[in-house]
């Protein structure tokens, strides 16, 4: 009998829970809206309690910020999130007490990166980043074969990037920083700037060139700082087929030949790539995280 693991992709708008062993072997899954912490975590616990076969461990990839430091008194908590009702939520502890099995938590993007590392487009790499662009912007990945951690965890969406107020007079919507990368380029920023959801904007709308420019600024900074072997970029905004080619083009323009590697100069289409696991990167990465406990 195969050892089974649970995975939770805890998004700001939706939770996905699954049971299985990995890619190609998800036995059962469910999803439900993210409402209050008590209700949403309760739904997740109820899902795992209904399973007939025992689970060895559960992995969680969560929106944040979170506390991943095992020595911290708030280890496993969602901490200073702007999401109402979730600040200082003991996510890991609540799941662990209810189910009585080991539980591990990391950021949603670190966990999605782990899924791609195990079964997707980052197999065989020991250095890559994963950026997700949706209701927020988050980043993570693996450096020297290990998930990115430090003082806490990466907050790539909150870097400061150049803001040309003449070209883009929009002030930004991040409650902490205003016009950080997330404040300028996440889905809420696009909707507030243009007065309609980004998915309803025409493919030739000037919004997409502006969006690609902001994302390319962020990626150019990450490439220069971290020197990743590959860049994976996903999330709901990236489902616009015209956007990724624009981002690649603008990254090359911004780097301007400074980084003399074939991957950037000649092979950019296989250097900046979408996640190959698609919408399953997160929950499969959570199962991969659970493997580390079991």
Protein backbone atom coordinates (compact mmCIF):
# COMPACT_ATOMS: atom_id res chain seq x y z
CA UNK A 1 0.00 0.00 0.00
CA UNK A 2 1.34 3.42 -0.96
CA UNK A 3 1.94 5.96 1.78
CA UNK A 4 -0.57 8.77 1.34
CA UNK A 5 -0.05 12.45 2.04
CA UNK A 6 -2.34 15.44 2.28
CA UNK A 7 -1.81 18.79 0.63
CA UNK A 8 -3.45 22.17 1.18
CA UNK A 9 -3.05 25.05 -1.24
CA UNK A 10 -4.31 27.91 0.90
CA UNK A 11 -5.02 30.82 -1.41
CA UNK A 12 -6.46 34.19 -0.54
CA UNK A 13 -9.63 33.45 -2.51
CA UNK A 14 -9.74 29.63 -2.63
CA UNK A 15 -8.45 26.59 -0.76
CA UNK A 16 -7.57 23.36 -2.61
CA UNK A 17 -7.13 20.17 -0.59
CA UNK A 18 -5.95 16.84 -1.98
CA UNK A 19 -4.76 13.38 -0.98
CA UNK A 20 -2.26 11.32 -2.94
CA UNK A 21 1.37 10.45 -3.42
CA UNK A 22 2.34 13.01 -6.07
CA UNK A 23 1.89 13.96 -9.72
CA UNK A 24 -0.20 11.36 -11.50
CA UNK A 25 -1.58 10.02 -8.23
CA UNK A 26 -4.06 12.40 -6.66
CA UNK A 27 -6.76 10.16 -5.16
CA UNK A 28 -9.26 12.82 -4.14
CA UNK A 29 -9.40 16.61 -4.10
CA UNK A 30 -11.78 19.41 -3.24
CA UNK A 31 -11.86 23.19 -3.28
CA UNK A 32 -13.87 25.83 -1.46
CA UNK A 33 -13.81 29.62 -1.05
CA UNK A 34 -11.52 31.25 1.51
CA UNK A 35 -13.85 32.85 4.06
CA UNK A 36 -13.09 33.27 7.76
CA UNK A 37 -10.10 31.46 9.24
CA UNK A 38 -12.24 29.32 11.52
CA UNK A 39 -14.68 28.27 8.81
CA UNK A 40 -12.11 27.69 6.07
CA UNK A 41 -9.65 25.71 8.19
CA UNK A 42 -12.64 23.78 9.54
CA UNK A 43 -13.60 22.75 5.99
CA UNK A 44 -10.04 21.53 5.38
CA UNK A 45 -10.01 19.49 8.61
CA UNK A 46 -13.39 17.94 7.77
CA UNK A 47 -12.12 16.92 4.32
CA UNK A 48 -9.13 15.05 5.73
CA UNK A 49 -11.16 13.49 8.55
CA UNK A 50 -13.45 11.89 5.94
CA UNK A 51 -10.61 10.00 4.24
CA UNK A 52 -10.71 6.23 4.68
CA UNK A 53 -6.96 5.59 4.46
CA UNK A 54 -4.55 7.08 7.00
CA UNK A 55 -2.28 9.97 6.01
CA UNK A 56 1.38 10.13 6.96
CA UNK A 57 1.59 13.94 6.99
CA UNK A 58 0.07 17.12 5.57
CA UNK A 59 1.85 19.94 3.77
CA UNK A 60 0.43 23.45 3.48
CA UNK A 61 1.29 26.16 0.99
CA UNK A 62 -0.26 29.34 2.32
CA UNK A 63 -0.77 32.98 1.47
CA UNK A 64 1.17 35.11 3.88
CA UNK A 65 3.10 36.51 5.46
CA UNK A 66 3.71 33.40 7.55
CA UNK A 67 6.18 32.44 10.26
CA UNK A 68 8.31 29.49 9.06
CA UNK A 69 10.83 29.63 11.92
CA UNK A 70 10.57 26.49 14.13
CA UNK A 71 12.18 28.37 17.03
CA UNK A 72 9.54 31.11 16.98
CA UNK A 73 6.53 31.14 19.34
CA UNK A 74 4.35 31.90 16.31
CA UNK A 75 5.80 29.13 14.12
CA UNK A 76 3.21 27.99 11.57
CA UNK A 77 1.09 31.12 11.94
CA UNK A 78 -0.24 33.41 9.25
CA UNK A 79 1.01 36.69 10.71
CA UNK A 80 0.53 40.26 9.41
CA UNK A 81 -1.63 39.46 6.41
CA UNK A 82 -3.84 42.26 5.09
CA UNK A 83 -6.58 39.63 4.58
CA UNK A 84 -9.33 40.48 7.09
CA UNK A 85 -9.81 37.97 9.91
CA UNK A 86 -6.64 35.98 9.28
CA UNK A 87 -4.01 37.96 11.18
CA UNK A 88 -2.17 35.84 13.79
CA UNK A 89 -3.91 32.59 12.80
CA UNK A 90 -2.31 29.40 14.16
CA UNK A 91 -2.75 27.52 10.89
CA UNK A 92 -0.32 24.63 11.39
CA UNK A 93 -1.19 24.06 15.04
CA UNK A 94 -4.94 23.98 14.40
CA UNK A 95 -4.58 21.34 11.68
CA UNK A 96 -2.09 19.30 13.70
CA UNK A 97 -4.21 19.24 16.86
CA UNK A 98 -7.31 18.22 14.93
CA UNK A 99 -5.72 15.41 12.89
CA UNK A 100 -2.88 14.21 15.10
CA UNK A 101 -0.31 13.89 12.30
CA UNK A 102 2.76 15.94 11.34
CA UNK A 103 2.01 19.18 9.47
CA UNK A 104 4.42 21.48 7.64
CA UNK A 105 3.76 24.98 6.31
CA UNK A 106 5.54 27.21 3.81
CA UNK A 107 4.58 30.07 1.53
CA UNK A 108 2.29 29.28 -1.38
CA UNK A 109 4.98 30.22 -3.89
CA UNK A 110 7.76 28.26 -2.18
CA UNK A 111 5.47 25.24 -2.14
CA UNK A 112 4.49 25.67 -5.80
CA UNK A 113 8.21 25.89 -6.59
CA UNK A 114 8.74 22.62 -4.72
CA UNK A 115 6.05 20.97 -6.84
CA UNK A 116 7.74 22.12 -10.04
CA UNK A 117 11.09 20.94 -8.66
CA UNK A 118 9.78 17.44 -8.00
CA UNK A 119 7.55 16.88 -11.02
CA UNK A 120 7.60 19.92 -13.30
CA UNK A 121 9.69 22.35 -15.28
CA UNK A 122 12.34 22.78 -12.55
CA UNK A 123 13.38 19.14 -12.31
CA UNK A 124 17.14 18.77 -12.11
CA UNK A 125 17.77 22.42 -11.18
CA UNK A 126 19.25 23.54 -7.88
CA UNK A 127 18.60 27.26 -8.38
CA UNK A 128 15.39 28.82 -9.72
CA UNK A 129 12.70 31.30 -8.76
CA UNK A 130 8.93 31.10 -8.99
CA UNK A 131 6.86 34.27 -9.25
CA UNK A 132 3.07 34.22 -9.10
CA UNK A 133 0.99 37.15 -10.34
CA UNK A 134 -2.66 37.20 -9.36
CA UNK A 135 -4.61 38.82 -6.54
CA UNK A 136 -1.17 39.52 -5.08
CA UNK A 137 2.39 38.99 -6.25
CA UNK A 138 4.57 36.50 -4.44
CA UNK A 139 7.92 34.92 -5.11
CA UNK A 140 10.01 32.08 -3.82
CA UNK A 141 11.99 29.18 -5.14
CA UNK A 142 15.04 27.08 -4.48
CA UNK A 143 18.65 28.16 -4.04
CA UNK A 144 21.47 25.63 -3.70
CA UNK A 145 18.87 22.87 -3.56
CA UNK A 146 16.96 24.34 -0.60
CA UNK A 147 13.72 26.27 -0.35
CA UNK A 148 14.35 29.99 0.15
CA UNK A 149 14.28 31.04 3.78
CA UNK A 150 16.19 33.57 5.79
CA UNK A 151 15.01 36.01 8.40
CA UNK A 152 11.52 34.84 7.38
CA UNK A 153 10.80 34.13 3.71
CA UNK A 154 11.04 36.04 0.41
CA UNK A 155 8.58 38.86 -0.22
CA UNK A 156 9.34 39.44 -3.88
CA UNK A 157 6.05 41.21 -4.52
CA UNK A 158 7.00 44.06 -2.21
CA UNK A 159 10.22 45.22 -3.81
CA UNK A 160 10.34 48.87 -4.88
CA UNK A 161 10.59 49.46 -8.61
CA UNK A 162 10.81 52.64 -10.71
CA UNK A 163 7.43 54.35 -11.06
CA UNK A 164 7.09 56.88 -13.87
CA UNK A 165 4.24 59.03 -12.62
CA UNK A 166 3.81 60.72 -16.01
CA UNK A 167 3.28 57.40 -17.79
CA UNK A 168 1.32 55.83 -14.94
CA UNK A 169 -0.29 58.28 -12.49
CA UNK A 170 -1.92 55.41 -10.55
CA UNK A 171 -0.70 55.56 -6.92
CA UNK A 172 -0.69 51.82 -6.22
CA UNK A 173 -2.86 49.76 -3.89
CA UNK A 174 -0.54 48.01 -1.44
CA UNK A 175 -1.76 48.93 2.07
CA UNK A 176 1.84 48.86 3.32
CA UNK A 177 3.89 50.34 0.47
CA UNK A 178 1.55 51.91 -2.09
CA UNK A 179 3.46 51.52 -5.35
CA UNK A 180 5.61 48.44 -4.71
CA UNK A 181 5.58 45.75 -7.41
CA UNK A 182 2.39 44.18 -6.01
CA UNK A 183 0.79 47.58 -5.53
CA UNK A 184 1.31 48.40 -9.20
CA UNK A 185 1.00 45.07 -10.99
CA UNK A 186 -1.27 42.65 -9.09
CA UNK A 187 -4.81 42.08 -10.37
CA UNK A 188 -6.47 44.57 -7.97
CA UNK A 189 -4.09 47.30 -9.15
CA UNK A 190 -4.96 46.61 -12.77
CA UNK A 191 -8.69 46.67 -12.04
CA UNK A 192 -8.50 49.88 -10.01
CA UNK A 193 -6.29 51.59 -12.62
CA UNK A 194 -8.36 50.65 -15.66
CA UNK A 195 -11.84 50.38 -14.13
CA UNK A 196 -12.47 46.79 -15.16
CA UNK A 197 -11.13 43.30 -14.35
CA UNK A 198 -7.88 42.61 -16.22
CA UNK A 199 -9.27 39.51 -17.93
CA UNK A 200 -11.83 41.73 -19.71
CA UNK A 201 -9.21 44.07 -21.21
CA UNK A 202 -8.53 43.63 -24.95
CA UNK A 203 -5.27 41.92 -25.88
CA UNK A 204 -4.01 45.10 -27.56
CA UNK A 205 -4.83 47.36 -24.60
CA UNK A 206 -1.94 49.49 -23.34
CA UNK A 207 -2.45 47.88 -19.93
CA UNK A 208 -0.51 44.81 -21.03
CA UNK A 209 2.60 46.69 -22.11
CA UNK A 210 2.60 48.56 -18.79
CA UNK A 211 2.06 45.32 -16.85
CA UNK A 212 4.85 43.55 -18.73
CA UNK A 213 7.17 46.46 -17.99
CA UNK A 214 6.56 46.28 -14.26
CA UNK A 215 6.97 42.51 -14.15
CA UNK A 216 10.13 42.71 -16.24
CA UNK A 217 11.62 45.27 -13.81
CA UNK A 218 11.00 42.87 -10.96
CA UNK A 219 12.46 39.90 -12.84
CA UNK A 220 15.53 41.85 -13.94
CA UNK A 221 16.22 42.65 -10.28
CA UNK A 222 15.78 39.02 -9.23
CA UNK A 223 17.94 37.74 -12.09
CA UNK A 224 20.76 40.14 -11.23
CA UNK A 225 20.54 39.43 -7.50
CA UNK A 226 19.93 35.68 -7.36
CA UNK A 227 21.24 34.43 -10.72
CA UNK A 228 18.61 31.69 -11.03
CA UNK A 229 19.00 28.89 -13.57
CA UNK A 230 15.36 29.40 -14.59
CA UNK A 231 12.46 31.74 -13.89
CA UNK A 232 8.95 30.32 -13.56
CA UNK A 233 6.10 32.80 -13.66
CA UNK A 234 2.48 31.83 -13.11
CA UNK A 235 -0.77 33.04 -11.58
CA UNK A 236 -4.06 34.24 -13.00
CA UNK A 237 -2.73 37.38 -14.69
CA UNK A 238 -0.24 35.28 -16.67
CA UNK A 239 -3.07 33.38 -18.37
CA UNK A 240 -3.17 36.22 -20.90
CA UNK A 241 -1.25 34.61 -23.81
CA UNK A 242 0.21 37.92 -25.03
CA UNK A 243 1.78 38.78 -21.67
CA UNK A 244 4.64 36.29 -21.27
CA UNK A 245 6.28 37.11 -24.65
CA UNK A 246 6.13 40.82 -23.72
CA UNK A 247 7.74 40.13 -20.34
CA UNK A 248 10.57 38.14 -21.97
CA UNK A 249 11.21 40.91 -24.49
CA UNK A 250 11.29 43.63 -21.82
CA UNK A 251 13.60 41.59 -19.55
CA UNK A 252 16.10 41.34 -22.41
CA UNK A 253 15.80 45.08 -23.04
CA UNK A 254 16.35 45.94 -19.38
CA UNK A 255 19.36 43.65 -18.98
CA UNK A 256 20.74 45.11 -22.22
CA UNK A 257 23.28 42.38 -22.88
CA UNK A 258 24.95 42.74 -19.49
CA UNK A 259 24.44 39.10 -18.47
CA UNK A 260 26.24 37.21 -21.22
CA UNK A 261 24.54 33.84 -21.12
CA UNK A 262 22.83 31.93 -23.91
CA UNK A 263 19.81 31.37 -21.65
CA UNK A 264 19.01 35.09 -21.63
CA UNK A 265 20.47 36.24 -24.96
CA UNK A 266 19.29 33.35 -27.16
CA UNK A 267 17.05 30.98 -25.18
CA UNK A 268 14.79 33.33 -23.27
CA UNK A 269 11.69 31.29 -24.20
CA UNK A 270 13.02 28.34 -22.19
CA UNK A 271 14.49 30.53 -19.44
CA UNK A 272 11.37 32.47 -18.42
CA UNK A 273 8.63 29.86 -18.51
CA UNK A 274 5.15 29.08 -17.19
CA UNK A 275 4.71 26.31 -14.59
CA UNK A 276 4.33 22.96 -16.34
CA UNK A 277 2.05 21.61 -13.59
CA UNK A 278 -0.36 24.46 -14.27
CA UNK A 279 -2.98 24.98 -11.59
CA UNK A 280 -1.77 21.86 -9.75
CA UNK A 281 1.68 23.25 -8.82
CA UNK A 282 0.47 24.44 -5.43
CA UNK A 283 -1.34 21.40 -4.10
CA UNK A 284 1.25 19.00 -5.55
CA UNK A 285 3.97 21.08 -3.96
CA UNK A 286 2.12 20.82 -0.64
CA UNK A 287 2.16 17.03 -1.01
CA UNK A 288 5.89 17.21 -1.79
CA UNK A 289 6.34 19.24 1.41
CA UNK A 290 4.45 16.57 3.35
CA UNK A 291 6.83 13.91 1.92
CA UNK A 292 9.66 15.65 3.78
CA UNK A 293 7.87 14.94 7.06
CA UNK A 294 6.82 11.39 6.32
